Protein backbone atom coordinates (compact mmCIF):
# COMPACT_ATOMS: atom_id res chain seq x y z
CA MET A 1 23.77 -16.36 0.56
CA VAL A 2 23.76 -15.39 -3.10
CA LEU A 3 20.58 -15.87 -5.09
CA ASN A 4 20.44 -16.46 -8.82
CA GLY A 5 18.23 -14.23 -10.98
CA ASN A 6 15.15 -16.46 -10.81
CA GLU A 7 15.43 -16.91 -7.03
CA GLU A 8 15.80 -13.16 -6.55
CA THR A 9 12.74 -12.55 -8.75
CA ALA A 10 10.72 -15.11 -6.79
CA LEU A 11 11.81 -13.49 -3.51
CA ARG A 12 10.75 -10.05 -4.70
CA ILE A 13 7.37 -11.24 -5.98
CA GLY A 14 6.76 -13.39 -2.90
CA ALA A 15 7.62 -10.54 -0.55
CA ALA A 16 5.16 -8.28 -2.36
CA LEU A 17 2.41 -10.89 -2.07
CA ILE A 18 3.05 -11.38 1.66
CA VAL A 19 3.26 -7.66 2.47
CA GLY A 20 0.08 -6.89 0.56
CA GLY A 21 -1.65 -9.83 2.21
CA ILE A 22 -0.68 -8.68 5.70
CA LEU A 23 -2.04 -5.18 5.13
CA GLY A 24 -5.13 -6.57 3.43
CA LEU A 25 -5.74 -8.89 6.37
CA ASN A 26 -6.01 -5.83 8.60
CA ARG A 27 -8.70 -4.39 6.32
CA GLU A 28 -10.40 -7.79 6.06
CA LEU A 29 -10.58 -8.11 9.86
CA HIS A 30 -12.20 -4.67 10.00
CA GLY A 31 -14.91 -5.80 7.56
CA LYS A 32 -13.79 -3.60 4.67
CA PRO A 33 -14.69 -4.42 1.06
CA ALA A 34 -11.08 -4.47 -0.15
CA GLY A 35 -9.35 -7.11 1.91
CA LEU A 36 -6.53 -9.62 1.83
CA ARG A 37 -6.85 -10.70 -1.81
CA THR A 38 -7.26 -7.19 -3.20
CA HIS A 39 -4.26 -5.81 -1.32
CA ALA A 40 -2.10 -8.85 -2.08
CA LEU A 41 -2.89 -8.59 -5.79
CA VAL A 42 -2.21 -4.84 -5.90
CA SER A 43 1.18 -5.33 -4.27
CA LEU A 44 1.98 -8.34 -6.45
CA GLY A 45 1.00 -6.49 -9.62
CA ALA A 46 3.14 -3.50 -8.73
CA ALA A 47 6.13 -5.76 -8.07
CA VAL A 48 5.71 -7.64 -11.35
CA ALA A 49 5.34 -4.40 -13.35
CA THR A 50 8.47 -3.02 -11.69
CA ILE A 51 10.49 -6.19 -12.26
CA ILE A 52 9.49 -6.27 -15.92
CA VAL A 53 11.02 -2.85 -16.50
CA LEU A 54 14.13 -3.77 -14.50
CA LYS A 55 14.98 -7.00 -16.34
CA SER A 56 16.20 -7.23 -19.90
CA ALA A 57 15.30 -10.16 -22.17
CA ASP A 58 18.42 -12.11 -21.10
CA GLY A 59 17.49 -11.78 -17.40
CA SER A 60 20.14 -9.22 -16.49
CA LEU A 61 19.20 -6.05 -14.70
CA ALA A 62 18.71 -3.03 -16.93
CA ALA A 63 18.40 0.12 -14.86
CA ASP A 64 16.89 2.72 -17.19
CA GLN A 65 15.86 5.31 -14.61
CA ASN A 66 13.42 7.00 -17.00
CA ALA A 67 11.60 3.73 -17.70
CA ILE A 68 11.47 2.88 -14.00
CA GLY A 69 10.09 6.33 -13.21
CA ARG A 70 7.36 6.01 -15.85
CA VAL A 71 6.32 2.59 -14.56
CA VAL A 72 6.15 3.81 -10.96
CA GLN A 73 4.07 6.82 -12.04
CA GLY A 74 1.73 4.54 -13.99
CA ILE A 75 1.31 2.14 -11.08
CA LEU A 76 0.52 4.86 -8.57
CA THR A 77 -1.88 6.66 -10.92
CA GLY A 78 -3.68 3.47 -11.87
CA VAL A 79 -4.01 2.29 -8.29
CA GLY A 80 -5.46 5.67 -7.36
CA PHE A 81 -8.55 4.77 -9.39
CA LEU A 82 -8.89 1.46 -7.55
CA GLY A 83 -8.56 3.24 -4.21
CA ALA A 84 -11.16 5.80 -5.24
CA GLY A 85 -13.60 2.94 -5.74
CA VAL A 86 -13.64 2.12 -2.02
CA ILE A 87 -14.30 5.69 -0.86
CA LEU A 88 -17.99 6.27 -0.15
CA ARG A 89 -20.01 9.30 0.94
CA ASP A 90 -23.42 8.82 2.51
CA PRO A 91 -26.33 11.29 2.15
CA LEU A 92 -25.35 12.96 5.44
CA GLY A 93 -21.85 13.71 4.11
CA HIS A 94 -19.93 11.12 6.14
CA VAL A 95 -17.00 9.71 4.18
CA THR A 96 -15.81 6.13 4.63
CA GLY A 97 -13.14 4.04 2.99
CA LEU A 98 -10.25 6.50 3.14
CA THR A 99 -8.00 4.21 5.20
CA THR A 100 -8.69 1.29 2.90
CA ALA A 101 -7.93 3.46 -0.13
CA ALA A 102 -4.69 4.53 1.54
CA THR A 103 -3.72 0.92 2.27
CA ILE A 104 -4.35 0.00 -1.37
CA TRP A 105 -2.06 2.86 -2.42
CA ILE A 106 0.70 1.93 0.07
CA CYS A 107 0.44 -1.69 -1.11
CA ALA A 108 1.25 -0.50 -4.62
CA VAL A 109 4.20 1.49 -3.30
CA LEU A 110 5.43 -1.46 -1.22
CA GLY A 111 5.03 -3.79 -4.20
CA THR A 112 7.18 -1.40 -6.22
CA VAL A 113 9.76 -1.39 -3.43
CA CYS A 114 9.76 -5.21 -3.48
CA GLY A 115 10.16 -5.20 -7.24
CA LEU A 116 13.17 -2.92 -6.91
CA GLY A 117 14.61 -5.08 -4.12
CA HIS A 118 15.01 -2.27 -1.60
CA TRP A 119 14.70 -4.48 1.49
CA VAL A 120 15.66 -1.94 4.16
CA ILE A 121 13.12 0.56 2.85
CA LEU A 122 10.53 -2.22 2.71
CA GLY A 123 11.11 -3.24 6.32
CA ILE A 124 10.92 0.30 7.63
CA ALA A 125 7.86 1.18 5.54
CA VAL A 126 5.97 -1.99 6.48
CA GLY A 127 6.76 -1.40 10.15
CA PHE A 128 5.44 2.14 10.07
CA THR A 129 2.39 1.12 8.01
CA VAL A 130 1.46 -1.65 10.45
CA PHE A 131 2.01 0.80 13.33
CA ALA A 132 -0.39 3.30 11.72
CA LEU A 133 -3.03 0.64 11.06
CA LEU A 134 -2.87 -0.98 14.49
CA LEU A 135 -2.35 2.06 16.69
CA GLY A 136 -3.79 4.88 14.59
CA ARG A 137 -7.40 4.50 15.71
CA PRO A 138 -6.60 4.30 19.46
CA ILE A 139 -4.39 7.38 19.11
CA GLU A 140 -7.22 9.20 17.26
CA ARG A 141 -9.67 8.31 20.06
CA LEU A 142 -7.24 9.53 22.72
CA ALA A 143 -6.71 12.80 20.85
CA GLU A 144 -10.47 13.27 20.50
CA ARG A 145 -10.89 12.85 24.27
CA LEU A 146 -7.97 15.12 25.11
CA PHE A 147 -8.90 17.89 22.71
CA HIS A 148 -12.68 17.47 23.03
CA ARG A 149 -13.31 16.84 19.33
CA HIS A 150 -16.42 14.90 18.51
CA GLY A 151 -16.55 12.66 15.43
CA SER A 152 -19.84 14.17 14.22
CA GLY A 153 -18.57 17.73 13.75
CA PRO A 154 -16.26 19.04 11.07
CA PRO A 155 -12.56 18.63 11.95
CA ASP A 156 -11.77 22.34 11.65
CA HIS A 157 -14.52 23.88 13.78
CA SER A 158 -13.53 26.61 16.22
CA VAL A 159 -14.01 26.27 19.96
């Protein structure tokens, strides 16, 4: 099946929205402040910004690698500030929000991948991201039990 330029653009933008929404749903279900809408919009925005630099005024693809590189750098730097906004430290020194910040960042990366139309990379990256989000915490708990690390102590203390 061959898609015309507008259909391909819609597919790329739609894929970014769906991928960001899926990752955001995970954060939403865990009661985090940045949820489905935030992640979907980050991914969507990254895809749109990437597509804009890829397409020329007549709709054809214009692959200026320098321009694409600058846009990707700008997206990832800008999203870093958004991610930093969800990281909190309480008076006791406990840090929260790191996983949510990381999912916001990966949503920007995945949105960029959608914008570029790299579908194989997208599938692999989404699979590994979902794996990390769904199975990461149970694996951490298992490792803590096996290696006798307690969540209250610093991660690098000597035994």
